[in-house]
Amino acid sequence: MWNTEYQKWLDYKGLDSFVRKDLEGKSDKELEDMFYTNLTFGTGGMRGILGAGTNRLNIYTIRRANAGLAEYLMKTYPEDQLSRGVVIAHDNRLMSKEFAKESAKVLGAKGIKSYLFHDLRPTPELSYAVRQTNALAGIVITASHNPPQYNGYKIYDEYGCQYTPDYANEIVGYVNQVEDLFAIEAMSFTDMLSQDLVEFLDEDMDKSYLDAVKSISIHPEQEKPLTIVFTPLHGTSAMLGTRLLGECGYDVHPVEEQMVHDPYFSTVKLPNPEESSAFALAEALGTKLNADLLIATDPDADRLGIAVLHNNRYIYLNGNQTGALMINYMLNEMQTLGTLPEKGVVFNTIVTSDFGAKIARHFGMEVISTLTGFKFIGEQARFLEGSDKTFVFGYEESYGYVVKDFVRDKDSLQAMLMIAEAATFYHNTEEKTLYDKLIDIYEEYGYYYEGLDNVHLLGKEGQERIGRIMDSFRNQTLHSLNGVSVFAKEDYELLKRFVGDQVSDIDLYQSNVIKYFLADDSWFVLRPSGTEPKLKIYAGVIGTSLDQSKEAVKELLKAVRHMVDQVI
């Protein structure tokens, strides 16, 4: 029972003062939500609200996660390999630096070395650094684009990729074996330094990473007349993002108010480049400078959003559109230069638009779709090693992209350089904006458009209702929607594809996701979020014009939401 665990925390005399204060004045319902379960690993690792309890992020739940990771590493690798260590990075959030140090101290108590960055660094640089240091694993303390009250913990394998389910579940098994959170040993930093169990990463790693990012450029020689406004939304790309664009010759103007590492994200409602509201200050500066392109990254710098100046107003592009633009630019130019791989592979996810996939196939690329979560794309990139196939591009609809797989996660710095280069190229060679070019691509390949509806369901009751909704869709047979027949259904928890009376297997990891395919080539997906308390409804259509497609996807989402709302 939750109250037994609550009492145990309340009675612990050495309880951290921040944690103890958070226990005060709480109702039974609030306390139940804090203690009824343990934080679990989702698509983006372990993420939760800061505070007291087993269902919150605090030094004790962070220590438990690291105790489990340490046990996994000791059971997986020979003792003489543990000196390879673990790379640890953190973002600008509340408690991020403290959690990074706590992680190192727990690992140190087990004799495992840590590589710590002196200050906050982008998540993609963490992925890069793991392989550069030949480390056993990586940790990044971040809650990405979540609200300020959240923080999180993501772990990476020796290949710089987030652990995929088989390995993550093994680690979680070790985490769950930790019975007493208050008995986890943590080494002092002084002892770690004296025993060479901690090493700091500095400018050398930054330069190495930025040099690797610069290597993705296809036309570094072109003139760069465009004006770019850049904002890190208070996060980790503030220094390196500005530096990258500047060193590559772009006229970049940072949004100074958002260059500050503010853990409260005081200048935005939500630090998420998927939201146009996050661009308010960037647009104001862009209007003042008549800037051609606005670029925003999320706080841990793995996602990127853009807005394009077109006919004197800024048009915000979604993740599918930006991904399609990059694919079109890269493959066109690689073909022109004779560098297009004969057996190239483009990766996306099952909730990503078919728009970019259609472009990729036009250029002879193989397209592989994975489950949602960039760890699956990172894993597939590793599988290509030693084969005759070449990794060309990986992306997902939620504003995540990677061009070269020296990073095995989404990388906003690679994305910002590539999209800036594409915008410059089309300006220089065709006198077109990225939006002009997007319309050209739509005309050639079809007017694909997608939408997303988030059903927010908080706390224990919310999670139970999400379960009932998924069960309802899983157990019913849906024949049509909005007058369009349902062609197929894919259930990734059952790992089955249903087409009429025919049933076939799906060769992916098991996941609580259901996808429907309609006869008019539209589709929709139901997926509980792995990082926030909500059910996500994705939908995609192909229309005869952009306006018609936008209206069609709105109607499709409305119909699915109506069905969801009927489940009590």
Protein backbone atom coordinates (compact mmCIF):
# COMPACT_ATOMS: atom_id res chain seq x y z
CA MET A 1 0.00 0.00 0.00
CA TRP A 2 1.16 3.51 -0.78
CA ASN A 3 0.71 4.74 2.81
CA THR A 4 3.19 2.17 4.12
CA GLU A 5 5.90 3.53 1.82
CA TYR A 6 4.89 7.09 2.70
CA GLN A 7 5.31 6.38 6.40
CA LYS A 8 8.73 4.87 5.76
CA TRP A 9 9.85 8.11 4.11
CA LEU A 10 8.30 10.21 6.83
CA ASP A 11 10.10 8.22 9.54
CA TYR A 12 13.53 8.35 7.90
CA LYS A 13 15.51 10.78 10.08
CA GLY A 14 18.14 11.51 7.43
CA LEU A 15 15.57 12.55 4.79
CA ASP A 16 16.75 15.34 2.50
CA SER A 17 15.24 18.66 3.66
CA PHE A 18 13.84 19.48 0.18
CA VAL A 19 12.15 16.09 0.04
CA ARG A 20 10.75 16.34 3.59
CA LYS A 21 9.29 19.77 2.91
CA ASP A 22 7.49 18.40 -0.15
CA LEU A 23 5.67 15.89 2.07
CA GLU A 24 4.08 18.65 4.13
CA GLY A 25 0.50 19.75 3.63
CA LYS A 26 -0.42 17.10 1.07
CA SER A 27 -3.86 15.49 0.82
CA ASP A 28 -4.24 11.72 0.82
CA LYS A 29 -4.97 11.82 -2.92
CA GLU A 30 -1.76 13.76 -3.59
CA LEU A 31 0.26 11.44 -1.37
CA GLU A 32 -1.20 8.39 -3.10
CA ASP A 33 -0.04 9.73 -6.47
CA MET A 34 3.43 10.35 -5.01
CA PHE A 35 3.80 6.80 -3.65
CA TYR A 36 1.41 4.39 -5.41
CA THR A 37 4.02 3.31 -7.97
CA ASN A 38 7.64 3.68 -9.03
CA LEU A 39 8.66 5.92 -11.91
CA THR A 40 9.09 3.77 -15.00
CA PHE A 41 11.17 4.00 -18.15
CA GLY A 42 9.23 5.20 -21.20
CA THR A 43 10.19 6.31 -24.72
CA GLY A 44 12.38 9.06 -23.28
CA GLY A 45 13.79 7.28 -20.24
CA MET A 46 12.58 7.98 -16.69
CA ARG A 47 10.79 11.30 -16.43
CA GLY A 48 8.64 12.77 -13.70
CA ILE A 49 7.72 15.65 -11.44
CA LEU A 50 10.33 16.81 -8.95
CA GLY A 51 9.38 16.03 -5.37
CA ALA A 52 9.11 13.43 -2.66
CA GLY A 53 7.99 9.86 -3.24
CA THR A 54 8.69 6.81 -5.36
CA ASN A 55 6.66 8.30 -8.22
CA ARG A 56 8.71 11.51 -8.26
CA LEU A 57 12.24 12.55 -9.20
CA ASN A 58 14.45 13.14 -6.17
CA ILE A 59 17.93 12.13 -5.01
CA TYR A 60 16.65 8.78 -3.75
CA THR A 61 14.90 7.69 -6.96
CA ILE A 62 17.94 8.93 -8.92
CA ARG A 63 20.24 6.88 -6.66
CA ARG A 64 18.05 3.81 -7.14
CA ALA A 65 18.20 4.19 -10.94
CA ASN A 66 21.99 4.44 -10.80
CA ALA A 67 22.30 1.51 -8.42
CA GLY A 68 20.40 -0.56 -10.97
CA LEU A 69 22.57 0.68 -13.83
CA ALA A 70 25.75 -0.02 -11.86
CA GLU A 71 24.58 -3.57 -11.10
CA TYR A 72 23.80 -4.13 -14.77
CA LEU A 73 27.23 -2.89 -15.85
CA MET A 74 29.00 -5.07 -13.28
CA LYS A 75 27.05 -8.14 -14.38
CA THR A 76 27.48 -7.41 -18.12
CA TYR A 77 31.16 -6.40 -18.34
CA PRO A 78 34.33 -7.95 -16.88
CA GLU A 79 35.77 -6.11 -13.89
CA ASP A 80 38.73 -4.82 -15.90
CA GLN A 81 36.28 -3.09 -18.29
CA LEU A 82 34.61 -0.98 -15.60
CA SER A 83 37.43 1.57 -15.87
CA ARG A 84 35.95 2.57 -19.22
CA GLY A 85 33.41 4.46 -17.14
CA VAL A 86 30.15 6.31 -17.79
CA VAL A 87 29.69 9.75 -19.38
CA ILE A 88 27.24 12.03 -17.54
CA ALA A 89 25.65 15.25 -18.86
CA HIS A 90 22.83 17.45 -17.64
CA ASP A 91 20.56 20.27 -18.79
CA ASN A 92 19.54 23.55 -17.12
CA ARG A 93 16.64 22.27 -15.05
CA LEU A 94 16.14 22.39 -11.31
CA MET A 95 18.27 19.72 -9.62
CA SER A 96 19.91 18.63 -12.90
CA LYS A 97 23.45 19.36 -11.75
CA GLU A 98 22.78 17.78 -8.35
CA PHE A 99 21.33 14.64 -9.96
CA ALA A 100 24.33 14.39 -12.29
CA LYS A 101 26.66 14.45 -9.29
CA GLU A 102 24.50 11.96 -7.37
CA SER A 103 24.72 9.63 -10.36
CA ALA A 104 28.51 9.84 -10.36
CA LYS A 105 28.67 9.28 -6.59
CA VAL A 106 26.58 6.08 -6.74
CA LEU A 107 28.65 4.75 -9.63
CA GLY A 108 31.84 5.70 -7.81
CA ALA A 109 30.79 3.67 -4.78
CA LYS A 110 30.79 0.64 -7.10
CA GLY A 111 34.23 1.49 -8.49
CA ILE A 112 32.86 2.80 -11.80
CA LYS A 113 34.48 5.93 -13.22
CA SER A 114 32.44 8.92 -14.42
CA TYR A 115 33.18 11.48 -17.13
CA LEU A 116 31.41 14.69 -16.18
CA PHE A 117 30.96 17.81 -18.28
CA HIS A 118 31.97 20.99 -16.47
CA ASP A 119 28.61 22.57 -17.30
CA LEU A 120 25.36 21.75 -19.05
CA ARG A 121 25.70 20.22 -22.52
CA PRO A 122 23.35 19.08 -25.31
CA THR A 123 22.01 15.53 -25.18
CA PRO A 124 23.44 14.73 -28.65
CA GLU A 125 26.92 15.67 -27.44
CA LEU A 126 26.46 13.14 -24.63
CA SER A 127 25.68 10.45 -27.21
CA TYR A 128 28.76 11.49 -29.19
CA ALA A 129 31.00 11.57 -26.11
CA VAL A 130 30.11 8.03 -25.06
CA ARG A 131 31.73 6.61 -28.18
CA GLN A 132 34.59 9.11 -28.17
CA THR A 133 35.61 8.12 -24.64
CA ASN A 134 34.92 4.42 -25.26
CA ALA A 135 32.67 4.49 -22.21
CA LEU A 136 30.40 1.66 -21.15
CA ALA A 137 27.32 3.86 -20.91
CA GLY A 138 25.99 7.40 -20.76
CA ILE A 139 23.57 9.29 -18.54
CA VAL A 140 21.84 12.58 -19.22
CA ILE A 141 19.74 14.38 -16.65
CA THR A 142 16.97 16.13 -18.56
CA ALA A 143 13.22 16.38 -19.00
CA SER A 144 13.58 17.65 -22.56
CA HIS A 145 10.69 20.03 -23.35
CA ASN A 146 8.48 19.19 -20.35
CA PRO A 147 7.22 21.95 -18.01
CA PRO A 148 9.63 23.31 -15.35
CA GLN A 149 8.39 21.07 -12.54
CA TYR A 150 9.71 17.99 -14.38
CA ASN A 151 13.12 16.41 -14.62
CA GLY A 152 14.34 13.10 -16.00
CA TYR A 153 17.04 10.49 -16.42
CA LYS A 154 18.05 8.92 -19.72
CA ILE A 155 20.64 6.18 -20.12
CA TYR A 156 22.72 5.25 -23.15
CA ASP A 157 24.60 2.12 -24.10
CA GLU A 158 28.23 1.93 -25.22
CA TYR A 159 27.14 2.69 -28.79
CA GLY A 160 25.72 6.08 -27.80
CA CYS A 161 22.13 4.89 -28.19
CA GLN A 162 19.41 4.91 -25.55
CA TYR A 163 18.93 1.40 -24.22
CA THR A 164 16.27 -0.45 -26.19
CA PRO A 165 13.56 -2.41 -24.29
CA ASP A 166 15.35 -5.73 -23.84
CA TYR A 167 18.32 -4.08 -22.14
CA ALA A 168 16.31 -1.35 -20.41
CA ASN A 169 14.04 -4.01 -18.90
CA GLU A 170 17.08 -5.87 -17.60
CA ILE A 171 18.34 -2.67 -15.96
CA VAL A 172 14.88 -1.97 -14.53
CA GLY A 173 14.98 -5.47 -13.06
CA TYR A 174 18.11 -4.54 -11.13
CA VAL A 175 16.54 -1.20 -10.13
CA ASN A 176 13.53 -3.02 -8.73
CA GLN A 177 15.78 -5.24 -6.63
CA VAL A 178 16.78 -2.19 -4.58
CA GLU A 179 14.59 -2.56 -1.51
CA ASP A 180 15.87 0.26 0.66
CA LEU A 181 16.34 3.56 -1.16
CA PHE A 182 17.92 5.09 1.92
CA ALA A 183 20.69 2.48 2.14
CA ILE A 184 22.21 3.08 -1.31
CA GLU A 185 25.90 3.87 -0.96
CA ALA A 186 27.18 7.11 -2.52
CA MET A 187 30.88 8.00 -2.59
CA SER A 188 32.10 11.47 -1.68
CA PHE A 189 33.36 13.62 -4.51
CA THR A 190 36.64 14.15 -2.68
CA ASP A 191 37.26 10.41 -2.55
CA MET A 192 36.27 10.02 -6.19
CA LEU A 193 38.83 12.62 -7.25
CA SER A 194 41.58 11.09 -5.14
CA GLN A 195 40.87 7.62 -6.60
CA ASP A 196 40.64 8.85 -10.19
CA LEU A 197 36.97 7.88 -10.40
CA VAL A 198 35.87 11.16 -11.98
CA GLU A 199 37.23 13.04 -14.99
CA PHE A 200 35.90 16.30 -16.41
CA LEU A 201 35.21 16.80 -20.13
CA ASP A 202 35.96 20.21 -21.56
CA GLU A 203 36.59 22.23 -24.74
CA ASP A 204 38.32 19.36 -26.51
CA MET A 205 35.08 17.35 -26.55
CA ASP A 206 33.07 20.40 -27.64
CA LYS A 207 35.43 21.04 -30.55
CA SER A 208 35.46 17.38 -31.57
CA TYR A 209 31.66 17.27 -31.56
CA LEU A 210 31.27 20.52 -33.51
CA ASP A 211 33.83 19.38 -36.09
CA ALA A 212 31.80 16.21 -36.58
CA VAL A 213 28.60 18.25 -37.00
CA LYS A 214 30.27 20.48 -39.59
CA SER A 215 31.14 17.38 -41.62
CA ILE A 216 27.48 16.91 -42.64
CA SER A 217 27.56 20.03 -44.82
CA ILE A 218 27.01 19.40 -48.53
CA HIS A 219 27.67 22.93 -49.79
CA PRO A 220 29.86 24.65 -47.19
CA GLU A 221 31.34 26.83 -49.93
CA GLN A 222 28.14 28.72 -50.84
CA GLU A 223 27.56 32.36 -49.98
CA LYS A 224 25.42 32.81 -46.87
CA PRO A 225 23.36 35.99 -47.22
CA LEU A 226 20.41 34.94 -45.04
CA THR A 227 19.77 36.33 -41.58
CA ILE A 228 19.00 33.73 -38.91
CA VAL A 229 17.49 34.25 -35.46
CA PHE A 230 18.33 31.48 -32.99
CA THR A 231 16.95 30.62 -29.55
CA PRO A 232 17.93 27.73 -27.26
CA LEU A 233 14.81 28.38 -25.12
CA HIS A 234 17.08 28.79 -22.08
CA GLY A 235 18.67 25.42 -22.70
CA THR A 236 21.86 23.58 -23.52
CA SER A 237 22.46 24.69 -27.12
CA ALA A 238 22.99 28.34 -26.15
CA MET A 239 26.76 28.26 -26.53
CA LEU A 240 27.30 25.53 -29.11
CA GLY A 241 24.36 26.39 -31.38
CA THR A 242 25.42 30.00 -31.79
CA ARG A 243 29.04 28.95 -32.17
CA LEU A 244 28.24 26.34 -34.82
CA LEU A 245 26.26 28.65 -37.06
CA GLY A 246 28.75 31.48 -36.61
CA GLU A 247 31.80 29.33 -37.38
CA CYS A 248 30.04 28.05 -40.52
CA GLY A 249 29.63 31.61 -41.76
CA TYR A 250 25.95 32.22 -41.06
CA ASP A 251 24.62 35.59 -39.93
CA VAL A 252 23.12 34.40 -36.64
CA HIS A 253 21.40 36.55 -34.03
CA PRO A 254 20.61 34.90 -30.68
CA VAL A 255 17.54 35.83 -28.64
CA GLU A 256 19.48 37.21 -25.69
CA GLU A 257 16.63 36.87 -23.15
CA GLN A 258 16.56 33.11 -23.83
CA MET A 259 20.32 32.57 -23.80
CA VAL A 260 20.06 32.57 -20.00
CA HIS A 261 20.01 29.10 -18.38
CA ASP A 262 16.71 29.71 -16.60
CA PRO A 263 15.30 26.52 -15.00
CA TYR A 264 11.85 28.14 -14.78
CA PHE A 265 11.74 29.00 -18.51
CA SER A 266 10.34 32.37 -17.53
CA THR A 267 9.94 33.74 -21.06
CA VAL A 268 7.81 30.91 -22.47
CA LYS A 269 4.65 29.03 -21.53
CA LEU A 270 6.33 25.77 -22.50
CA PRO A 271 9.95 25.28 -23.67
CA ASN A 272 8.89 23.25 -26.69
CA PRO A 273 9.82 24.21 -30.29
CA GLU A 274 6.77 22.25 -31.46
CA GLU A 275 4.68 25.14 -30.06
CA SER A 276 4.63 28.35 -32.10
CA SER A 277 4.15 30.30 -28.85
CA ALA A 278 7.73 29.36 -27.88
CA PHE A 279 8.90 31.49 -30.82
CA ALA A 280 7.31 34.75 -29.60
CA LEU A 281 10.60 36.48 -28.72
CA ALA A 282 12.35 34.99 -31.74
CA GLU A 283 9.64 36.30 -34.02
CA ALA A 284 9.82 39.75 -32.44
CA LEU A 285 13.59 39.87 -33.05
CA GLY A 286 13.12 38.36 -36.50
CA THR A 287 10.61 41.03 -37.43
CA LYS A 288 12.99 43.74 -36.26
CA LEU A 289 15.88 42.29 -38.30
CA ASN A 290 13.76 41.06 -41.22
CA ALA A 291 15.34 37.67 -40.56
CA ASP A 292 14.82 34.92 -43.12
CA LEU A 293 14.76 31.99 -40.71
CA LEU A 294 13.90 31.43 -37.05
CA ILE A 295 15.45 28.40 -35.32
CA ALA A 296 14.57 27.08 -31.85
CA THR A 297 15.87 24.06 -29.97
CA ASP A 298 14.37 22.46 -26.89
CA PRO A 299 16.22 22.62 -23.55
CA ASP A 300 18.34 19.50 -24.03
CA ALA A 301 18.96 20.39 -27.70
CA ASP A 302 17.78 17.22 -29.36
CA ARG A 303 14.68 18.73 -31.04
CA LEU A 304 14.51 21.61 -33.50
CA GLY A 305 11.69 23.81 -34.79
CA ILE A 306 11.80 26.45 -37.51
CA ALA A 307 9.76 29.34 -38.91
CA VAL A 308 10.30 30.75 -42.41
CA LEU A 309 9.80 34.35 -43.52
CA HIS A 310 7.51 34.12 -46.54
CA ASN A 311 5.62 37.06 -48.06
CA ASN A 312 6.44 39.17 -44.99
CA ARG A 313 5.09 36.75 -42.39
CA TYR A 314 6.55 33.82 -40.48
CA ILE A 315 5.23 30.37 -41.34
CA TYR A 316 5.91 27.60 -38.83
CA LEU A 317 6.82 24.23 -40.29
CA ASN A 318 6.07 21.00 -38.48
CA GLY A 319 8.45 18.10 -37.98
CA ASN A 320 7.22 16.13 -40.97
CA GLN A 321 7.58 19.13 -43.27
CA THR A 322 11.06 20.01 -42.03
CA GLY A 323 12.16 16.39 -42.34
CA ALA A 324 10.82 16.17 -45.91
CA LEU A 325 12.64 19.37 -46.86
CA MET A 326 15.94 18.04 -45.53
CA ILE A 327 15.49 14.68 -47.25
CA ASN A 328 14.66 16.36 -50.56
CA TYR A 329 17.62 18.74 -50.34
CA MET A 330 20.15 16.13 -49.27
CA LEU A 331 19.19 13.45 -51.78
CA ASN A 332 18.89 15.88 -54.68
CA GLU A 333 22.31 17.36 -54.04
CA MET A 334 23.96 14.03 -53.31
CA GLN A 335 22.59 12.72 -56.59
CA THR A 336 23.88 15.80 -58.43
CA LEU A 337 27.33 15.44 -56.86
CA GLY A 338 27.44 11.69 -57.45
CA THR A 339 27.64 10.89 -53.73
CA LEU A 340 24.22 9.27 -53.35
CA PRO A 341 24.72 5.80 -51.78
CA GLU A 342 23.61 2.85 -53.88
CA LYS A 343 22.11 1.20 -50.82
CA GLY A 344 21.11 4.11 -48.63
CA VAL A 345 18.62 3.82 -45.78
CA VAL A 346 16.28 6.48 -44.38
CA PHE A 347 14.64 5.80 -41.03
CA ASN A 348 11.39 7.14 -39.63
CA THR A 349 8.79 5.97 -37.10
CA ILE A 350 5.31 4.48 -37.36
CA VAL A 351 3.73 7.86 -36.49
CA THR A 352 5.83 9.83 -38.99
CA SER A 353 4.29 11.02 -42.26
CA ASP A 354 4.79 8.99 -45.43
CA PHE A 355 5.75 12.26 -47.14
CA GLY A 356 9.49 11.99 -46.52
CA ALA A 357 9.41 8.24 -47.16
CA LYS A 358 7.91 8.79 -50.61
CA ILE A 359 10.69 11.26 -51.47
CA ALA A 360 13.36 8.89 -50.18
CA ARG A 361 12.01 5.98 -52.22
CA HIS A 362 11.95 8.18 -55.32
CA PHE A 363 15.72 8.44 -54.97
CA GLY A 364 16.10 4.69 -54.52
CA MET A 365 16.50 4.75 -50.74
CA GLU A 366 15.22 1.97 -48.53
CA VAL A 367 12.87 3.26 -45.82
CA ILE A 368 12.61 1.51 -42.45
CA SER A 369 9.96 2.51 -39.89
CA THR A 370 10.55 1.87 -36.20
CA LEU A 371 8.49 2.32 -33.07
CA THR A 372 8.26 5.81 -31.61
CA GLY A 373 11.43 6.76 -29.76
CA PHE A 374 14.76 7.61 -31.31
CA LYS A 375 16.46 4.73 -29.51
CA PHE A 376 14.97 2.43 -32.13
CA ILE A 377 16.46 4.49 -34.96
CA GLY A 378 19.80 4.56 -33.13
CA GLU A 379 19.70 0.79 -32.78
CA GLN A 380 18.95 0.35 -36.49
CA ALA A 381 21.90 2.62 -37.34
CA ARG A 382 24.20 0.31 -35.38
CA PHE A 383 22.80 -2.71 -37.19
CA LEU A 384 24.05 -1.21 -40.47
CA GLU A 385 27.67 -1.33 -39.27
CA GLY A 386 29.66 -3.78 -41.35
CA SER A 387 26.88 -4.13 -43.94
CA ASP A 388 26.77 -2.84 -47.51
CA LYS A 389 24.06 -0.35 -46.55
CA THR A 390 24.59 3.32 -45.64
CA PHE A 391 22.78 5.36 -43.00
CA VAL A 392 21.47 8.48 -44.79
CA PHE A 393 18.95 10.13 -42.47
CA GLY A 394 16.75 9.42 -39.46
CA TYR A 395 13.81 11.46 -38.21
CA GLU A 396 10.46 11.50 -36.45
CA GLU A 397 7.46 13.80 -36.55
CA SER A 398 8.20 15.24 -33.11
CA TYR A 399 10.96 17.52 -34.44
CA GLY A 400 13.85 15.08 -34.08
CA TYR A 401 16.46 14.51 -36.83
CA VAL A 402 19.93 13.05 -37.30
CA VAL A 403 21.99 13.25 -40.50
CA LYS A 404 25.13 11.29 -39.64
CA ASP A 405 25.11 8.62 -36.99
CA PHE A 406 28.16 9.70 -35.02
CA VAL A 407 25.24 10.68 -32.78
CA ARG A 408 22.85 7.82 -32.14
CA ASP A 409 20.02 10.08 -31.05
CA LYS A 410 18.22 13.07 -32.49
CA ASP A 411 20.54 16.04 -32.88
CA SER A 412 19.28 19.60 -33.18
CA LEU A 413 22.75 20.92 -34.04
CA GLN A 414 23.01 18.68 -37.08
CA ALA A 415 19.45 19.65 -37.99
CA MET A 416 20.01 23.40 -37.62
CA LEU A 417 23.09 23.29 -39.84
CA MET A 418 21.35 21.22 -42.53
CA ILE A 419 18.15 23.28 -42.60
CA ALA A 420 20.13 26.54 -42.64
CA GLU A 421 22.14 25.19 -45.56
CA ALA A 422 19.00 24.09 -47.44
CA ALA A 423 17.35 27.48 -46.91
CA THR A 424 20.50 29.23 -48.18
CA PHE A 425 20.82 26.92 -51.19
CA TYR A 426 17.24 27.45 -52.39
CA HIS A 427 17.59 31.20 -51.86
CA ASN A 428 20.83 31.32 -53.84
CA THR A 429 19.93 28.96 -56.68
CA GLU A 430 16.15 29.38 -57.12
CA GLU A 431 15.33 32.58 -55.24
CA LYS A 432 12.87 30.57 -53.17
CA THR A 433 12.13 30.30 -49.47
CA LEU A 434 11.85 26.95 -47.73
CA TYR A 435 8.08 27.39 -47.85
CA ASP A 436 8.18 27.92 -51.62
CA LYS A 437 10.19 24.73 -51.91
CA LEU A 438 7.84 22.85 -49.63
CA ILE A 439 4.92 23.68 -51.93
CA ASP A 440 6.98 22.50 -54.91
CA ILE A 441 7.57 19.19 -53.16
CA TYR A 442 3.88 18.86 -52.28
CA GLU A 443 2.99 19.42 -55.93
CA GLU A 444 5.36 16.64 -56.94
CA TYR A 445 4.62 14.03 -54.27
CA GLY A 446 1.15 14.84 -52.91
CA TYR A 447 -0.30 17.01 -50.16
CA TYR A 448 0.50 14.97 -47.07
CA TYR A 449 -0.58 16.50 -43.79
CA GLU A 450 -0.65 15.26 -40.21
CA GLY A 451 -2.14 16.25 -36.89
CA LEU A 452 -1.88 15.39 -33.21
CA ASP A 453 -4.41 15.52 -30.38
CA ASN A 454 -3.21 15.12 -26.80
CA VAL A 455 -5.71 13.75 -24.29
CA HIS A 456 -4.38 14.82 -20.88
CA LEU A 457 -5.30 12.35 -18.13
CA LEU A 458 -3.50 13.03 -14.86
CA GLY A 459 -2.56 10.82 -11.93
CA LYS A 460 -3.47 7.26 -11.12
CA GLU A 461 -7.07 7.66 -12.35
CA GLY A 462 -5.80 9.09 -15.63
CA GLN A 463 -3.46 6.16 -16.20
CA GLU A 464 -6.28 3.72 -15.50
CA ARG A 465 -8.54 5.47 -17.99
CA ILE A 466 -5.82 5.41 -20.66
CA GLY A 467 -5.62 1.67 -20.08
CA ARG A 468 -9.39 1.31 -20.59
CA ILE A 469 -9.26 3.37 -23.80
CA MET A 470 -6.48 1.24 -25.27
CA ASP A 471 -8.30 -1.96 -24.27
CA SER A 472 -11.47 -0.71 -25.94
CA PHE A 473 -9.77 -0.05 -29.27
CA ARG A 474 -7.75 -3.24 -28.99
CA ASN A 475 -10.80 -5.43 -28.45
CA GLN A 476 -13.24 -3.90 -30.92
CA THR A 477 -13.36 -4.26 -34.70
CA LEU A 478 -13.60 -0.87 -36.40
CA HIS A 479 -15.07 -1.18 -39.88
CA SER A 480 -15.20 2.48 -40.95
CA LEU A 481 -14.62 6.03 -39.78
CA ASN A 482 -16.17 9.18 -41.26
CA GLY A 483 -17.61 7.01 -44.01
CA VAL A 484 -14.21 5.61 -45.04
CA SER A 485 -13.60 1.89 -44.59
CA VAL A 486 -10.81 0.69 -42.32
CA PHE A 487 -8.34 -1.30 -44.38
CA ALA A 488 -5.99 -2.65 -41.69
CA LYS A 489 -5.12 -2.50 -38.01
CA GLU A 490 -1.70 -2.98 -36.43
CA ASP A 491 -1.46 -3.78 -32.74
CA TYR A 492 2.10 -3.41 -31.53
CA GLU A 493 1.36 -4.88 -28.13
CA LEU A 494 0.08 -8.07 -29.74
CA LEU A 495 2.63 -7.65 -32.57
CA LYS A 496 -0.10 -8.51 -35.07
CA ARG A 497 -1.38 -6.92 -38.28
CA PHE A 498 -5.07 -7.49 -39.09
CA VAL A 499 -6.35 -7.17 -42.67
CA GLY A 500 -9.87 -8.54 -42.87
CA ASP A 501 -9.62 -12.17 -41.78
CA GLN A 502 -5.87 -12.27 -42.41
CA VAL A 503 -3.49 -11.97 -39.47
CA SER A 504 0.29 -11.59 -39.79
CA ASP A 505 3.17 -10.94 -37.41
CA ILE A 506 4.92 -7.60 -36.90
CA ASP A 507 8.70 -7.72 -36.48
CA LEU A 508 9.17 -4.91 -33.94
CA TYR A 509 9.49 -4.54 -30.18
CA GLN A 510 6.28 -4.92 -28.21
CA SER A 511 4.64 -1.60 -27.39
CA ASN A 512 1.21 -0.39 -26.29
CA VAL A 513 0.39 1.26 -29.63
CA ILE A 514 -2.43 0.70 -32.14
CA LYS A 515 -2.40 1.98 -35.74
CA TYR A 516 -5.31 2.01 -38.21
CA PHE A 517 -5.07 2.32 -41.99
CA LEU A 518 -8.05 3.64 -43.96
CA ALA A 519 -8.96 2.97 -47.59
CA ASP A 520 -8.21 6.56 -48.69
CA ASP A 521 -4.56 6.24 -47.48
CA SER A 522 -5.27 8.15 -44.29
CA TRP A 523 -4.29 6.65 -40.92
CA PHE A 524 -4.42 7.23 -37.19
CA VAL A 525 -2.52 5.97 -34.14
CA LEU A 526 -3.30 5.72 -30.44
CA ARG A 527 -0.27 5.77 -28.13
CA PRO A 528 0.06 6.54 -24.41
CA SER A 529 2.90 9.01 -23.95
CA GLY A 530 6.09 7.57 -22.53
CA THR A 531 7.06 10.85 -20.88
CA GLU A 532 3.88 12.70 -19.88
CA PRO A 533 0.43 11.80 -18.43
CA LYS A 534 -1.51 11.80 -21.68
CA LEU A 535 -2.82 9.71 -24.55
CA LYS A 536 -1.56 10.82 -27.96
CA ILE A 537 -3.74 10.55 -31.07
CA TYR A 538 -1.82 10.92 -34.33
CA ALA A 539 -3.44 11.15 -37.76
CA GLY A 540 -2.28 11.64 -41.35
CA VAL A 541 -3.97 12.20 -44.71
CA ILE A 542 -3.17 12.89 -48.36
CA GLY A 543 -5.28 15.61 -49.96
CA THR A 544 -5.68 17.59 -53.15
CA SER A 545 -4.40 20.83 -51.62
CA LEU A 546 -2.79 21.92 -48.38
CA ASP A 547 -6.00 23.53 -47.13
CA GLN A 548 -8.05 20.46 -47.97
CA SER A 549 -5.52 18.19 -46.23
CA LYS A 550 -5.56 20.34 -43.10
CA GLU A 551 -9.35 20.16 -42.95
CA ALA A 552 -9.35 16.40 -43.56
CA VAL A 553 -6.89 15.65 -40.77
CA LYS A 554 -8.89 17.88 -38.42
CA GLU A 555 -12.05 15.89 -39.16
CA LEU A 556 -10.23 12.59 -38.74
CA LEU A 557 -8.84 13.60 -35.34
CA LYS A 558 -12.28 14.86 -34.30
CA ALA A 559 -13.86 11.49 -35.13
CA VAL A 560 -11.20 9.52 -33.24
CA ARG A 561 -11.40 11.85 -30.24
CA HIS A 562 -15.17 11.33 -30.14
CA MET A 563 -14.61 7.57 -29.89
CA VAL A 564 -11.98 8.06 -27.17
CA ASP A 565 -14.29 10.30 -25.15
CA GLN A 566 -16.98 7.61 -25.12
CA VAL A 567 -14.74 5.35 -23.04
CA ILE A 568 -15.33 6.24 -19.40
